[in-house]
Amino acid sequence: MSSYYLRFVGADTLPKSLSKREVEECFGLSIEDIQELRPPRFRGTARLGAAVQLVMLRATGRHPDAFSGLPSVLLRYLTSALGMHATDIASVTSLYKDKDTRYEHQLWARERVGFAVVDDTTKPLLADALGELSASAVSVDDLIQQSEHWLFDRRIVLPGDRTLRDMARMAFAEQENAAIAAVRTCAPPKQVQAALSHAFSKRSGPGGHTVLEWLRTPPGKHGQITLSEVTKKIECLKSLQVHKWKLSAIPLNRLRAYSQEVINRPPSATKFLSEDQRDLRIVSFLHVVGADSKLSHRAD
């Protein structure tokens, strides 16, 4: 399925700026849907509520938030498709006179689109999937997004954000612990400590920048000065034995994510992380810089 049609997966509210095209292509009602939504089964504003339940679940994988506002363009489209009078009702709750009817319509929508709910059978499968997906995720938010699509592809209603986030945090932490263990195994402690000491030391010359700040500086345009700078960085990293650290147990995108954290935060902030967090990020950073510098050197 095109990524355009998956753009709302995981959303529990919709933007007020939802366009007519987005409504028609992502929240449209088929002729069969409209037939199913006819009276006497569905009446009054609850009929519109059932339509909202259906199109929201089909597009997002979630039941709509009961209290959040509904975009006016979506309401206009649905009322027109159902042959109903236009309405300015603001939320799903206000479309129903009682909760029981709303819950009945949720069940109907799930049956209509063929979705199941996370239960004692599917929850362990989700936990296993999070464990696998966390190997390639670069952050908890990235892992949550991947898991939302995993659930959607398997036609399982997405659980609440808190439930999914807690499970994602646990899986991500397990992967990070495995990465820390890989660093402890593959990078000798003495070499790591020497690399840390050197990275946070001041470089000679004007500016008073640290070696870490120098290594974070991206290469300039191709030329003799850039070539000389890249060569110096390679020599620096070789002197720290970085090229001997075999970190293949850590997925490359995770190494790059840890490296990017070092680039994005001040050296002092990295320096005062916990020992495990600091070593993991600095080792990843030096490893990535070494690999990128070699590629840059070859290009020149």
Protein backbone atom coordinates (compact mmCIF):
# COMPACT_ATOMS: atom_id res chain seq x y z
CA MET A 1 0.00 0.00 0.00
CA SER A 2 1.26 3.48 -0.87
CA SER A 3 2.75 5.44 2.01
CA TYR A 4 0.26 8.21 1.18
CA TYR A 5 -2.61 5.97 2.25
CA LEU A 6 -0.76 5.02 5.44
CA ARG A 7 -0.09 8.58 6.51
CA PHE A 8 -2.74 8.56 9.24
CA VAL A 9 -1.86 5.18 10.77
CA GLY A 10 -1.49 5.63 14.52
CA ALA A 11 -3.34 8.96 14.71
CA ASP A 12 -5.99 9.27 17.42
CA THR A 13 -6.98 12.77 16.35
CA LEU A 14 -7.12 14.40 12.94
CA PRO A 15 -5.79 17.82 11.93
CA LYS A 16 -8.35 20.57 11.49
CA SER A 17 -6.60 21.36 8.22
CA LEU A 18 -7.54 17.98 6.72
CA SER A 19 -8.02 18.49 3.00
CA LYS A 20 -10.91 17.35 0.83
CA ARG A 21 -8.56 15.13 -1.15
CA GLU A 22 -7.26 13.48 2.04
CA VAL A 23 -10.82 12.83 3.18
CA GLU A 24 -11.90 11.31 -0.12
CA GLU A 25 -8.79 9.14 -0.54
CA CYS A 26 -8.14 8.08 3.05
CA PHE A 27 -11.56 8.32 4.74
CA GLY A 28 -13.93 7.55 1.89
CA LEU A 29 -17.10 5.46 2.15
CA SER A 30 -17.76 2.78 -0.43
CA ILE A 31 -21.21 2.03 -1.85
CA GLU A 32 -21.23 -1.11 0.30
CA ASP A 33 -20.38 0.94 3.41
CA ILE A 34 -23.28 3.30 2.74
CA GLN A 35 -25.62 0.33 2.28
CA GLU A 36 -24.49 -1.08 5.64
CA LEU A 37 -25.06 2.27 7.34
CA ARG A 38 -28.71 2.60 6.29
CA PRO A 39 -31.59 2.73 8.75
CA PRO A 40 -33.11 0.99 10.63
CA ARG A 41 -29.86 -0.38 12.02
CA PHE A 42 -28.30 3.08 12.23
CA ARG A 43 -30.42 6.13 13.00
CA GLY A 44 -30.02 9.83 13.69
CA THR A 45 -26.64 11.28 14.59
CA ALA A 46 -25.50 7.84 15.80
CA ARG A 47 -25.55 6.83 12.13
CA LEU A 48 -22.97 9.51 11.46
CA GLY A 49 -21.10 8.30 14.55
CA ALA A 50 -20.90 4.79 13.12
CA ALA A 51 -19.54 6.20 9.85
CA VAL A 52 -16.85 8.11 11.79
CA GLN A 53 -15.97 4.95 13.71
CA LEU A 54 -15.62 3.04 10.46
CA VAL A 55 -13.49 5.46 8.44
CA MET A 56 -11.25 6.38 11.38
CA LEU A 57 -10.48 2.75 12.23
CA ARG A 58 -9.87 1.91 8.59
CA ALA A 59 -7.45 4.83 8.09
CA THR A 60 -5.69 5.01 11.45
CA GLY A 61 -5.94 1.57 13.02
CA ARG A 62 -7.43 3.19 16.13
CA HIS A 63 -10.89 3.90 17.43
CA PRO A 64 -11.43 7.68 17.32
CA ASP A 65 -10.85 9.65 20.48
CA ALA A 66 -14.27 10.20 22.00
CA PHE A 67 -13.74 13.83 22.97
CA SER A 68 -11.49 15.21 20.25
CA GLY A 69 -12.95 17.51 17.64
CA LEU A 70 -13.78 16.22 14.18
CA PRO A 71 -12.59 18.20 11.12
CA SER A 72 -15.48 19.97 9.48
CA VAL A 73 -14.44 18.78 6.02
CA LEU A 74 -14.76 15.16 7.18
CA LEU A 75 -18.22 15.79 8.66
CA ARG A 76 -19.38 17.50 5.45
CA TYR A 77 -18.16 14.60 3.34
CA LEU A 78 -19.79 11.94 5.53
CA THR A 79 -23.14 13.69 5.88
CA SER A 80 -23.25 14.26 2.13
CA ALA A 81 -22.35 10.61 1.40
CA LEU A 82 -25.02 9.41 3.82
CA GLY A 83 -27.65 11.85 2.56
CA MET A 84 -27.90 13.54 5.94
CA HIS A 85 -28.18 17.19 6.89
CA ALA A 86 -24.91 18.99 7.55
CA THR A 87 -23.92 19.27 11.19
CA ASP A 88 -21.42 21.20 13.28
CA ILE A 89 -21.29 18.57 16.05
CA ALA A 90 -17.78 18.71 17.42
CA SER A 91 -16.87 15.24 18.75
CA VAL A 92 -17.64 11.53 18.62
CA THR A 93 -19.22 11.67 22.09
CA SER A 94 -21.70 14.32 21.01
CA LEU A 95 -22.92 12.04 18.20
CA TYR A 96 -24.22 9.49 20.71
CA LYS A 97 -26.89 9.63 23.40
CA ASP A 98 -25.28 6.79 25.38
CA LYS A 99 -21.94 4.98 25.66
CA ASP A 100 -23.41 1.53 24.99
CA THR A 101 -24.38 2.51 21.46
CA ARG A 102 -20.92 3.96 20.82
CA TYR A 103 -19.27 0.73 22.00
CA GLU A 104 -21.65 -1.34 19.87
CA HIS A 105 -20.63 0.74 16.86
CA GLN A 106 -16.94 0.23 17.69
CA LEU A 107 -17.52 -3.53 17.60
CA TRP A 108 -19.43 -3.21 14.33
CA ALA A 109 -16.61 -1.13 12.79
CA ARG A 110 -14.01 -3.73 13.86
CA GLU A 111 -16.06 -6.52 12.32
CA ARG A 112 -16.66 -4.47 9.18
CA VAL A 113 -12.94 -3.85 8.54
CA GLY A 114 -11.76 -7.20 9.96
CA PHE A 115 -9.73 -5.88 12.90
CA ALA A 116 -9.04 -7.77 16.14
CA VAL A 117 -7.99 -6.29 19.48
CA VAL A 118 -4.76 -6.81 21.43
CA ASP A 119 -5.49 -9.63 23.88
CA ASP A 120 -3.66 -12.38 25.76
CA THR A 121 -2.92 -14.09 22.44
CA THR A 122 -1.70 -11.12 20.41
CA LYS A 123 0.11 -9.21 23.18
CA PRO A 124 3.04 -11.70 23.36
CA LEU A 125 3.30 -11.53 19.55
CA LEU A 126 3.46 -7.74 19.76
CA ALA A 127 6.17 -7.95 22.44
CA ASP A 128 8.21 -10.29 20.21
CA ALA A 129 7.73 -7.97 17.23
CA LEU A 130 8.88 -4.97 19.29
CA GLY A 131 12.00 -6.91 20.21
CA GLU A 132 12.78 -7.53 16.54
CA LEU A 133 11.85 -4.04 15.38
CA SER A 134 13.93 -2.40 18.11
CA ALA A 135 17.08 -3.70 16.41
CA SER A 136 16.49 -1.29 13.53
CA ALA A 137 14.68 1.53 15.36
CA VAL A 138 16.71 4.68 16.07
CA SER A 139 14.49 5.95 18.90
CA VAL A 140 11.51 4.96 21.02
CA ASP A 141 9.26 7.13 18.82
CA ASP A 142 10.59 5.40 15.71
CA LEU A 143 9.93 2.02 17.32
CA ILE A 144 6.37 3.05 18.19
CA GLN A 145 5.73 4.11 14.60
CA GLN A 146 7.12 0.82 13.28
CA SER A 147 4.99 -1.16 15.72
CA GLU A 148 1.88 0.79 14.73
CA HIS A 149 2.40 -0.23 11.12
CA TRP A 150 3.12 -3.82 12.22
CA LEU A 151 -0.22 -3.92 14.03
CA PHE A 152 -2.06 -2.20 11.18
CA ASP A 153 -0.68 -4.65 8.60
CA ARG A 154 -1.98 -7.52 10.76
CA ARG A 155 -5.34 -5.84 11.23
CA ILE A 156 -5.06 -5.44 14.97
CA VAL A 157 -6.52 -2.35 16.62
CA LEU A 158 -3.69 -0.19 17.95
CA PRO A 159 -3.69 -0.06 21.75
CA GLY A 160 -3.55 3.23 23.63
CA ASP A 161 -0.41 5.33 23.34
CA ARG A 162 0.63 4.68 26.94
CA THR A 163 0.42 0.90 26.57
CA LEU A 164 2.35 0.88 23.32
CA ARG A 165 4.91 3.40 24.56
CA ASP A 166 5.62 1.40 27.72
CA MET A 167 6.16 -1.77 25.72
CA ALA A 168 8.35 0.10 23.21
CA ARG A 169 10.49 1.64 25.95
CA MET A 170 11.12 -1.79 27.45
CA ALA A 171 12.10 -3.32 24.09
CA PHE A 172 14.29 -0.35 23.19
CA ALA A 173 16.05 -0.49 26.57
CA GLU A 174 16.80 -4.18 26.06
CA GLN A 175 18.40 -3.41 22.69
CA GLU A 176 20.41 -0.58 24.23
CA ASN A 177 21.63 -2.88 27.00
CA ALA A 178 22.70 -5.36 24.33
CA ALA A 179 24.57 -2.54 22.53
CA ILE A 180 26.33 -1.55 25.76
CA ALA A 181 27.32 -5.20 26.27
CA ALA A 182 28.70 -5.30 22.71
CA VAL A 183 30.80 -2.19 23.41
CA ARG A 184 32.16 -3.73 26.60
CA THR A 185 33.05 -6.91 24.70
CA CYS A 186 34.46 -5.44 21.49
CA ALA A 187 36.21 -2.27 22.69
CA PRO A 188 38.87 -2.88 25.37
CA PRO A 189 38.17 -0.71 28.46
CA LYS A 190 41.66 0.82 28.46
CA GLN A 191 41.28 1.88 24.83
CA VAL A 192 37.83 3.33 25.52
CA GLN A 193 39.12 5.32 28.49
CA ALA A 194 42.08 6.58 26.43
CA ALA A 195 39.69 7.57 23.62
CA LEU A 196 37.40 9.40 26.06
CA SER A 197 40.27 11.27 27.65
CA HIS A 198 41.60 12.33 24.27
CA ALA A 199 38.15 13.25 22.86
CA PHE A 200 37.43 15.66 25.71
CA SER A 201 40.91 17.17 25.72
CA LYS A 202 41.65 20.59 24.19
CA ARG A 203 43.31 20.81 20.81
CA SER A 204 46.33 23.01 20.45
CA GLY A 205 45.89 26.27 18.55
CA PRO A 206 43.33 29.09 18.58
CA GLY A 207 39.73 28.57 19.59
CA GLY A 208 40.25 26.15 22.46
CA HIS A 209 38.05 23.50 20.88
CA THR A 210 38.08 19.92 22.09
CA VAL A 211 39.14 17.00 19.92
CA LEU A 212 35.52 15.87 20.00
CA GLU A 213 34.34 19.20 18.55
CA TRP A 214 36.97 18.92 15.84
CA LEU A 215 35.92 15.37 14.95
CA ARG A 216 32.27 16.48 14.81
CA THR A 217 33.05 19.07 12.14
CA PRO A 218 31.82 17.79 8.76
CA PRO A 219 34.30 17.75 5.86
CA GLY A 220 34.40 20.79 3.59
CA LYS A 221 34.46 20.92 -0.17
CA HIS A 222 36.82 18.61 -2.03
CA GLY A 223 40.30 20.02 -2.06
CA GLN A 224 43.74 19.74 -0.59
CA ILE A 225 42.78 21.35 2.74
CA THR A 226 39.84 18.97 3.19
CA LEU A 227 41.98 15.98 2.24
CA SER A 228 44.60 17.02 4.79
CA GLU A 229 41.93 17.42 7.50
CA VAL A 230 40.38 14.03 6.76
CA THR A 231 43.82 12.42 6.85
CA LYS A 232 44.49 13.96 10.27
CA LYS A 233 41.20 12.61 11.58
CA ILE A 234 41.99 9.13 10.30
CA GLU A 235 45.40 9.26 11.93
CA CYS A 236 43.84 10.45 15.19
CA LEU A 237 41.31 7.63 15.20
CA LYS A 238 43.95 5.04 14.34
CA SER A 239 46.08 6.22 17.24
CA LEU A 240 43.07 5.51 19.48
CA GLN A 241 42.74 1.98 17.98
CA VAL A 242 39.20 2.75 16.82
CA HIS A 243 39.71 0.67 13.66
CA LYS A 244 40.14 -2.46 15.80
CA TRP A 245 36.70 -2.18 17.43
CA LYS A 246 34.40 -4.74 15.81
CA LEU A 247 30.91 -3.43 16.46
CA SER A 248 28.97 -5.47 13.91
CA ALA A 249 26.69 -6.72 16.70
CA ILE A 250 25.16 -3.22 16.83
CA PRO A 251 22.97 -2.39 13.78
CA LEU A 252 24.48 0.39 11.67
CA ASN A 253 21.46 2.67 11.96
CA ARG A 254 21.65 2.39 15.75
CA LEU A 255 25.36 3.26 15.64
CA ARG A 256 24.54 6.29 13.51
CA ALA A 257 21.71 7.31 15.84
CA TYR A 258 24.03 7.19 18.87
CA SER A 259 26.65 9.08 16.88
CA GLN A 260 24.13 11.76 15.92
CA GLU A 261 23.28 12.29 19.58
CA VAL A 262 26.93 13.17 20.21
CA ILE A 263 26.84 15.61 17.31
CA ASN A 264 23.61 17.22 18.45
CA ARG A 265 24.49 17.85 22.11
CA PRO A 266 27.32 19.92 23.65
CA PRO A 267 30.44 17.87 24.54
CA SER A 268 29.95 18.73 28.21
CA ALA A 269 26.45 17.19 28.13
CA THR A 270 27.83 13.97 26.62
CA LYS A 271 30.69 13.91 29.12
CA PHE A 272 28.33 13.86 32.10
CA LEU A 273 26.05 11.08 30.90
CA SER A 274 26.12 7.88 32.93
CA GLU A 275 29.21 5.79 32.21
CA ASP A 276 27.37 3.21 30.09
CA GLN A 277 25.43 5.81 28.11
CA ARG A 278 28.49 7.98 27.55
CA ASP A 279 30.75 5.11 26.46
CA LEU A 280 28.13 3.68 24.10
CA ARG A 281 27.63 7.02 22.36
CA ILE A 282 31.27 8.03 22.17
CA VAL A 283 32.38 4.62 20.91
CA SER A 284 29.59 4.67 18.31
CA PHE A 285 30.51 8.21 17.29
CA LEU A 286 34.20 7.42 16.86
CA HIS A 287 33.38 4.26 14.94
CA VAL A 288 31.03 6.11 12.55
CA VAL A 289 33.43 9.02 12.06
CA GLY A 290 36.19 6.55 11.27
CA ALA A 291 34.06 4.72 8.70
CA ASP A 292 32.83 7.97 7.10
CA SER A 293 36.31 9.48 7.01
CA LYS A 294 37.65 6.47 5.15
CA LEU A 295 34.85 6.74 2.60
CA SER A 296 35.51 10.44 2.22
CA HIS A 297 39.23 9.76 1.83
CA ARG A 298 38.57 7.22 -0.93
CA ALA A 299 36.25 9.67 -2.70
CA ASP A 300 38.96 12.31 -2.74
